[in-house]
Amino acid sequence: MTLFINWELFWKELKECRTALKIIRRKELIKPIKKTDELFKETEELIAIIAKSIETAEKNKDASKK
């Protein structure tokens, strides 16, 4: 079975999660705010990984067309 993942959609969802976390932190909806630090860091790291994966996939796709 082949699993297809829409990486761009996944990347968009992570960015929305980051925005929600920023709001939670700004409004101090979770106290202490430090409780969200690790989750925010993980979200940032995942966004960077997915963005790089998308970039690499697009480069590989362009290279295979040549």
PDB file of N, CA and C in Angstrom:
ATOM      1  N   MET A   1       0.827  -1.173   0.000  1.00  0.00           N
ATOM      2  CA  MET A   1       0.000   0.000   0.000  1.00  0.00           C
ATOM      3  C   MET A   1       0.877   1.243   0.000  1.00  0.00           C
ATOM      4  N   THR A   2       0.607   2.163  -0.896  1.00  0.00           N
ATOM      5  CA  THR A   2       1.362   3.406  -0.991  1.00  0.00           C
ATOM      6  C   THR A   2       0.608   4.507  -0.257  1.00  0.00           C
ATOM      7  N   LEU A   3       1.335   5.213   0.573  1.00  0.00           N
ATOM      8  CA  LEU A   3       0.741   6.311   1.323  1.00  0.00           C
ATOM      9  C   LEU A   3       1.207   7.624   0.719  1.00  0.00           C
ATOM     10  N   PHE A   4       0.252   8.423   0.299  1.00  0.00           N
ATOM     11  CA  PHE A   4       0.582   9.729  -0.266  1.00  0.00           C
ATOM     12  C   PHE A   4       0.305  10.798   0.780  1.00  0.00           C
ATOM     13  N   ILE A   5       1.300  11.628   1.038  1.00  0.00           N
ATOM     14  CA  ILE A   5       1.140  12.719   1.996  1.00  0.00           C
ATOM     15  C   ILE A   5       1.252  14.032   1.246  1.00  0.00           C
ATOM     16  N   ASN A   6       0.263  14.887   1.429  1.00  0.00           N
ATOM     17  CA  ASN A   6       0.310  16.217   0.843  1.00  0.00           C
ATOM     18  C   ASN A   6       1.155  17.086   1.774  1.00  0.00           C
ATOM     19  N   TRP A   7       2.452  17.179   1.484  1.00  0.00           N
ATOM     20  CA  TRP A   7       3.393  17.880   2.356  1.00  0.00           C
ATOM     21  C   TRP A   7       3.076  19.359   2.467  1.00  0.00           C
ATOM     22  N   GLU A   8       2.609  19.972   1.378  1.00  0.00           N
ATOM     23  CA  GLU A   8       2.295  21.397   1.433  1.00  0.00           C
ATOM     24  C   GLU A   8       1.113  21.658   2.368  1.00  0.00           C
ATOM     25  N   LEU A   9       0.144  20.759   2.369  1.00  0.00           N
ATOM     26  CA  LEU A   9      -0.984  20.894   3.292  1.00  0.00           C
ATOM     27  C   LEU A   9      -0.512  20.692   4.732  1.00  0.00           C
ATOM     28  N   PHE A  10       0.357  19.716   4.936  1.00  0.00           N
ATOM     29  CA  PHE A  10       0.919  19.446   6.260  1.00  0.00           C
ATOM     30  C   PHE A  10       1.676  20.672   6.766  1.00  0.00           C
ATOM     31  N   TRP A  11       2.473  21.289   5.878  1.00  0.00           N
ATOM     32  CA  TRP A  11       3.243  22.488   6.205  1.00  0.00           C
ATOM     33  C   TRP A  11       2.300  23.634   6.586  1.00  0.00           C
ATOM     34  N   LYS A  12       1.227  23.797   5.835  1.00  0.00           N
ATOM     35  CA  LYS A  12       0.238  24.847   6.124  1.00  0.00           C
ATOM     36  C   LYS A  12      -0.404  24.620   7.492  1.00  0.00           C
ATOM     37  N   GLU A  13      -0.764  23.385   7.789  1.00  0.00           N
ATOM     38  CA  GLU A  13      -1.371  23.068   9.076  1.00  0.00           C
ATOM     39  C   GLU A  13      -0.420  23.351  10.230  1.00  0.00           C
ATOM     40  N   LEU A  14       0.858  23.053  10.049  1.00  0.00           N
ATOM     41  CA  LEU A  14       1.846  23.353  11.086  1.00  0.00           C
ATOM     42  C   LEU A  14       1.966  24.856  11.314  1.00  0.00           C
ATOM     43  N   LYS A  15       1.916  25.625  10.234  1.00  0.00           N
ATOM     44  CA  LYS A  15       1.989  27.080  10.381  1.00  0.00           C
ATOM     45  C   LYS A  15       0.763  27.612  11.118  1.00  0.00           C
ATOM     46  N   GLU A  16      -0.397  27.019  10.870  1.00  0.00           N
ATOM     47  CA  GLU A  16      -1.603  27.413  11.594  1.00  0.00           C
ATOM     48  C   GLU A  16      -1.480  27.052  13.077  1.00  0.00           C
ATOM     49  N   CYS A  17      -0.878  25.922  13.360  1.00  0.00           N
ATOM     50  CA  CYS A  17      -0.640  25.498  14.740  1.00  0.00           C
ATOM     51  C   CYS A  17       0.286  26.501  15.431  1.00  0.00           C
ATOM     52  N   ARG A  18       1.323  26.923  14.726  1.00  0.00           N
ATOM     53  CA  ARG A  18       2.249  27.912  15.283  1.00  0.00           C
ATOM     54  C   ARG A  18       1.513  29.211  15.607  1.00  0.00           C
ATOM     55  N   THR A  19       0.635  29.639  14.701  1.00  0.00           N
ATOM     56  CA  THR A  19      -0.135  30.862  14.933  1.00  0.00           C
ATOM     57  C   THR A  19      -1.020  30.722  16.176  1.00  0.00           C
ATOM     58  N   ALA A  20      -1.672  29.566  16.304  1.00  0.00           N
ATOM     59  CA  ALA A  20      -2.514  29.327  17.478  1.00  0.00           C
ATOM     60  C   ALA A  20      -1.679  29.350  18.759  1.00  0.00           C
ATOM     61  N   LEU A  21      -0.503  28.753  18.716  1.00  0.00           N
ATOM     62  CA  LEU A  21       0.374  28.760  19.888  1.00  0.00           C
ATOM     63  C   LEU A  21       0.818  30.178  20.243  1.00  0.00           C
ATOM     64  N   LYS A  22       1.086  30.988  19.231  1.00  0.00           N
ATOM     65  CA  LYS A  22       1.460  32.385  19.490  1.00  0.00           C
ATOM     66  C   LYS A  22       0.334  33.124  20.197  1.00  0.00           C
ATOM     67  N   ILE A  23      -0.895  32.889  19.764  1.00  0.00           N
ATOM     68  CA  ILE A  23      -2.055  33.531  20.398  1.00  0.00           C
ATOM     69  C   ILE A  23      -2.197  33.055  21.839  1.00  0.00           C
ATOM     70  N   ILE A  24      -2.063  31.753  22.037  1.00  0.00           N
ATOM     71  CA  ILE A  24      -2.159  31.179  23.383  1.00  0.00           C
ATOM     72  C   ILE A  24      -1.107  31.802  24.296  1.00  0.00           C
ATOM     73  N   ARG A  25       0.097  31.959  23.762  1.00  0.00           N
ATOM     74  CA  ARG A  25       1.186  32.535  24.558  1.00  0.00           C
ATOM     75  C   ARG A  25       0.942  34.021  24.835  1.00  0.00           C
ATOM     76  N   ARG A  26       0.519  34.748  23.807  1.00  0.00           N
ATOM     77  CA  ARG A  26       0.305  36.185  23.956  1.00  0.00           C
ATOM     78  C   ARG A  26      -0.809  36.495  24.955  1.00  0.00           C
ATOM     79  N   LYS A  27      -1.874  35.698  24.897  1.00  0.00           N
ATOM     80  CA  LYS A  27      -3.028  35.913  25.781  1.00  0.00           C
ATOM     81  C   LYS A  27      -2.863  35.201  27.133  1.00  0.00           C
ATOM     82  N   GLU A  28      -1.753  34.477  27.262  1.00  0.00           N
ATOM     83  CA  GLU A  28      -1.460  33.723  28.482  1.00  0.00           C
ATOM     84  C   GLU A  28      -2.624  32.802  28.876  1.00  0.00           C
ATOM     85  N   LEU A  29      -3.114  32.058  27.880  1.00  0.00           N
ATOM     86  CA  LEU A  29      -4.213  31.130  28.114  1.00  0.00           C
ATOM     87  C   LEU A  29      -3.760  29.884  28.859  1.00  0.00           C
ATOM     88  N   ILE A  30      -2.479  29.597  28.787  1.00  0.00           N
ATOM     89  CA  ILE A  30      -1.894  28.477  29.535  1.00  0.00           C
ATOM     90  C   ILE A  30      -0.822  29.080  30.445  1.00  0.00           C
ATOM     91  N   LYS A  31      -0.949  28.788  31.718  1.00  0.00           N
ATOM     92  CA  LYS A  31       0.016  29.314  32.683  1.00  0.00           C
ATOM     93  C   LYS A  31       0.646  28.167  33.441  1.00  0.00           C
ATOM     94  N   PRO A  32       1.902  28.209  33.717  1.00  0.00           N
ATOM     95  CA  PRO A  32       2.828  29.232  33.257  1.00  0.00           C
ATOM     96  C   PRO A  32       3.103  29.085  31.762  1.00  0.00           C
ATOM     97  N   ILE A  33       3.448  30.175  31.139  1.00  0.00           N
ATOM     98  CA  ILE A  33       3.680  30.227  29.695  1.00  0.00           C
ATOM     99  C   ILE A  33       4.792  29.257  29.289  1.00  0.00           C
ATOM    100  N   LYS A  34       5.676  28.983  30.208  1.00  0.00           N
ATOM    101  CA  LYS A  34       6.806  28.079  29.944  1.00  0.00           C
ATOM    102  C   LYS A  34       6.338  26.691  29.499  1.00  0.00           C
ATOM    103  N   LYS A  35       5.106  26.316  29.877  1.00  0.00           N
ATOM    104  CA  LYS A  35       4.563  25.009  29.488  1.00  0.00           C
ATOM    105  C   LYS A  35       4.450  24.878  27.965  1.00  0.00           C
ATOM    106  N   THR A  36       4.354  25.986  27.260  1.00  0.00           N
ATOM    107  CA  THR A  36       4.202  25.930  25.802  1.00  0.00           C
ATOM    108  C   THR A  36       5.533  26.010  25.064  1.00  0.00           C
ATOM    109  N   ASP A  37       6.619  26.262  25.787  1.00  0.00           N
ATOM    110  CA  ASP A  37       7.924  26.456  25.146  1.00  0.00           C
ATOM    111  C   ASP A  37       8.348  25.271  24.286  1.00  0.00           C
ATOM    112  N   GLU A  38       8.274  24.074  24.847  1.00  0.00           N
ATOM    113  CA  GLU A  38       8.728  22.883  24.118  1.00  0.00           C
ATOM    114  C   GLU A  38       7.843  22.609  22.899  1.00  0.00           C
ATOM    115  N   LEU A  39       6.551  22.772  23.061  1.00  0.00           N
ATOM    116  CA  LEU A  39       5.623  22.562  21.952  1.00  0.00           C
ATOM    117  C   LEU A  39       5.875  23.568  20.828  1.00  0.00           C
ATOM    118  N   PHE A  40       6.113  24.815  21.202  1.00  0.00           N
ATOM    119  CA  PHE A  40       6.402  25.853  20.209  1.00  0.00           C
ATOM    120  C   PHE A  40       7.708  25.532  19.480  1.00  0.00           C
ATOM    121  N   LYS A  41       8.714  25.111  20.222  1.00  0.00           N
ATOM    122  CA  LYS A  41      10.012  24.744  19.625  1.00  0.00           C
ATOM    123  C   LYS A  41       9.853  23.580  18.646  1.00  0.00           C
ATOM    124  N   GLU A  42       9.109  22.559  19.050  1.00  0.00           N
ATOM    125  CA  GLU A  42       8.867  21.399  18.176  1.00  0.00           C
ATOM    126  C   GLU A  42       8.150  21.814  16.892  1.00  0.00           C
ATOM    127  N   THR A  43       7.173  22.694  17.027  1.00  0.00           N
ATOM    128  CA  THR A  43       6.427  23.170  15.860  1.00  0.00           C
ATOM    129  C   THR A  43       7.359  23.895  14.906  1.00  0.00           C
ATOM    130  N   GLU A  44       8.207  24.766  15.438  1.00  0.00           N
ATOM    131  CA  GLU A  44       9.174  25.489  14.607  1.00  0.00           C
ATOM    132  C   GLU A  44      10.109  24.520  13.879  1.00  0.00           C
ATOM    133  N   GLU A  45      10.578  23.510  14.583  1.00  0.00           N
ATOM    134  CA  GLU A  45      11.487  22.530  13.980  1.00  0.00           C
ATOM    135  C   GLU A  45      10.782  21.737  12.877  1.00  0.00           C
ATOM    136  N   LEU A  46       9.549  21.321  13.120  1.00  0.00           N
ATOM    137  CA  LEU A  46       8.796  20.581  12.102  1.00  0.00           C
ATOM    138  C   LEU A  46       8.526  21.435  10.868  1.00  0.00           C
ATOM    139  N   ILE A  47       8.212  22.705  11.068  1.00  0.00           N
ATOM    140  CA  ILE A  47       7.995  23.608   9.934  1.00  0.00           C
ATOM    141  C   ILE A  47       9.265  23.698   9.091  1.00  0.00           C
ATOM    142  N   ALA A  48      10.401  23.837   9.739  1.00  0.00           N
ATOM    143  CA  ALA A  48      11.671  23.930   9.017  1.00  0.00           C
ATOM    144  C   ALA A  48      11.974  22.636   8.252  1.00  0.00           C
ATOM    145  N   ILE A  49      11.726  21.498   8.875  1.00  0.00           N
ATOM    146  CA  ILE A  49      11.977  20.202   8.228  1.00  0.00           C
ATOM    147  C   ILE A  49      11.081  20.021   7.009  1.00  0.00           C
ATOM    148  N   ILE A  50       9.790  20.298   7.163  1.00  0.00           N
ATOM    149  CA  ILE A  50       8.843  20.118   6.054  1.00  0.00           C
ATOM    150  C   ILE A  50       9.144  21.097   4.932  1.00  0.00           C
ATOM    151  N   ALA A  51       9.467  22.347   5.277  1.00  0.00           N
ATOM    152  CA  ALA A  51       9.800  23.342   4.253  1.00  0.00           C
ATOM    153  C   ALA A  51      11.013  22.882   3.441  1.00  0.00           C
ATOM    154  N   LYS A  52      12.025  22.371   4.107  1.00  0.00           N
ATOM    155  CA  LYS A  52      13.221  21.882   3.420  1.00  0.00           C
ATOM    156  C   LYS A  52      12.896  20.655   2.568  1.00  0.00           C
ATOM    157  N   SER A  53      12.039  19.781   3.065  1.00  0.00           N
ATOM    158  CA  SER A  53      11.631  18.594   2.304  1.00  0.00           C
ATOM    159  C   SER A  53      10.883  18.978   1.034  1.00  0.00           C
ATOM    160  N   ILE A  54      10.005  19.956   1.143  1.00  0.00           N
ATOM    161  CA  ILE A  54       9.265  20.434  -0.033  1.00  0.00           C
ATOM    162  C   ILE A  54      10.233  21.032  -1.039  1.00  0.00           C
ATOM    163  N   GLU A  55      11.166  21.839  -0.556  1.00  0.00           N
ATOM    164  CA  GLU A  55      12.171  22.456  -1.437  1.00  0.00           C
ATOM    165  C   GLU A  55      12.991  21.387  -2.163  1.00  0.00           C
ATOM    166  N   THR A  56      13.429  20.373  -1.434  1.00  0.00           N
ATOM    167  CA  THR A  56      14.223  19.296  -2.028  1.00  0.00           C
ATOM    168  C   THR A  56      13.408  18.513  -3.056  1.00  0.00           C
ATOM    169  N   ALA A  57      12.164  18.226  -2.711  1.00  0.00           N
ATOM    170  CA  ALA A  57      11.301  17.485  -3.638  1.00  0.00           C
ATOM    171  C   ALA A  57      11.081  18.265  -4.933  1.00  0.00           C
ATOM    172  N   GLU A  58      10.902  19.567  -4.816  1.00  0.00           N
ATOM    173  CA  GLU A  58      10.702  20.389  -6.023  1.00  0.00           C
ATOM    174  C   GLU A  58      11.973  20.425  -6.865  1.00  0.00           C
ATOM    175  N   LYS A  59      13.136  20.518  -6.221  1.00  0.00           N
ATOM    176  CA  LYS A  59      14.404  20.492  -6.964  1.00  0.00           C
ATOM    177  C   LYS A  59      14.573  19.151  -7.674  1.00  0.00           C
ATOM    178  N   ASN A  60      14.263  18.054  -6.984  1.00  0.00           N
ATOM    179  CA  ASN A  60      14.396  16.723  -7.582  1.00  0.00           C
ATOM    180  C   ASN A  60      13.423  16.553  -8.736  1.00  0.00           C
ATOM    181  N   LYS A  61      12.236  17.085  -8.593  1.00  0.00           N
ATOM    182  CA  LYS A  61      11.224  17.000  -9.652  1.00  0.00           C
ATOM    183  C   LYS A  61      11.695  17.762 -10.887  1.00  0.00           C
ATOM    184  N   ASP A  62      12.261  18.967 -10.671  1.00  0.00           N
ATOM    185  CA  ASP A  62      12.770  19.772 -11.783  1.00  0.00           C
ATOM    186  C   ASP A  62      13.966  19.087 -12.449  1.00  0.00           C
ATOM    187  N   ALA A  63      14.831  18.487 -11.646  1.00  0.00           N
ATOM    188  CA  ALA A  63      16.007  17.824 -12.180  1.00  0.00           C
ATOM    189  C   ALA A  63      15.629  16.599 -13.013  1.00  0.00           C
ATOM    190  N   SER A  64      14.579  15.905 -12.620  1.00  0.00           N
ATOM    191  CA  SER A  64      14.175  14.703 -13.357  1.00  0.00           C
ATOM    192  C   SER A  64      13.512  15.048 -14.694  1.00  0.00           C
ATOM    193  N   LYS A  65      13.065  16.289 -14.847  1.00  0.00           N
ATOM    194  CA  LYS A  65      12.458  16.722 -16.104  1.00  0.00           C
ATOM    195  C   LYS A  65      13.496  17.071 -17.159  1.00  0.00           C
ATOM    196  N   LYS A  66      14.740  17.273 -16.730  1.00  0.00           N
ATOM    197  CA  LYS A  66      15.809  17.682 -17.672  1.00  0.00           C
ATOM    198  C   LYS A  66      16.359  16.525 -18.439  1.00  0.00           C
TER     199      LYS A  66
END
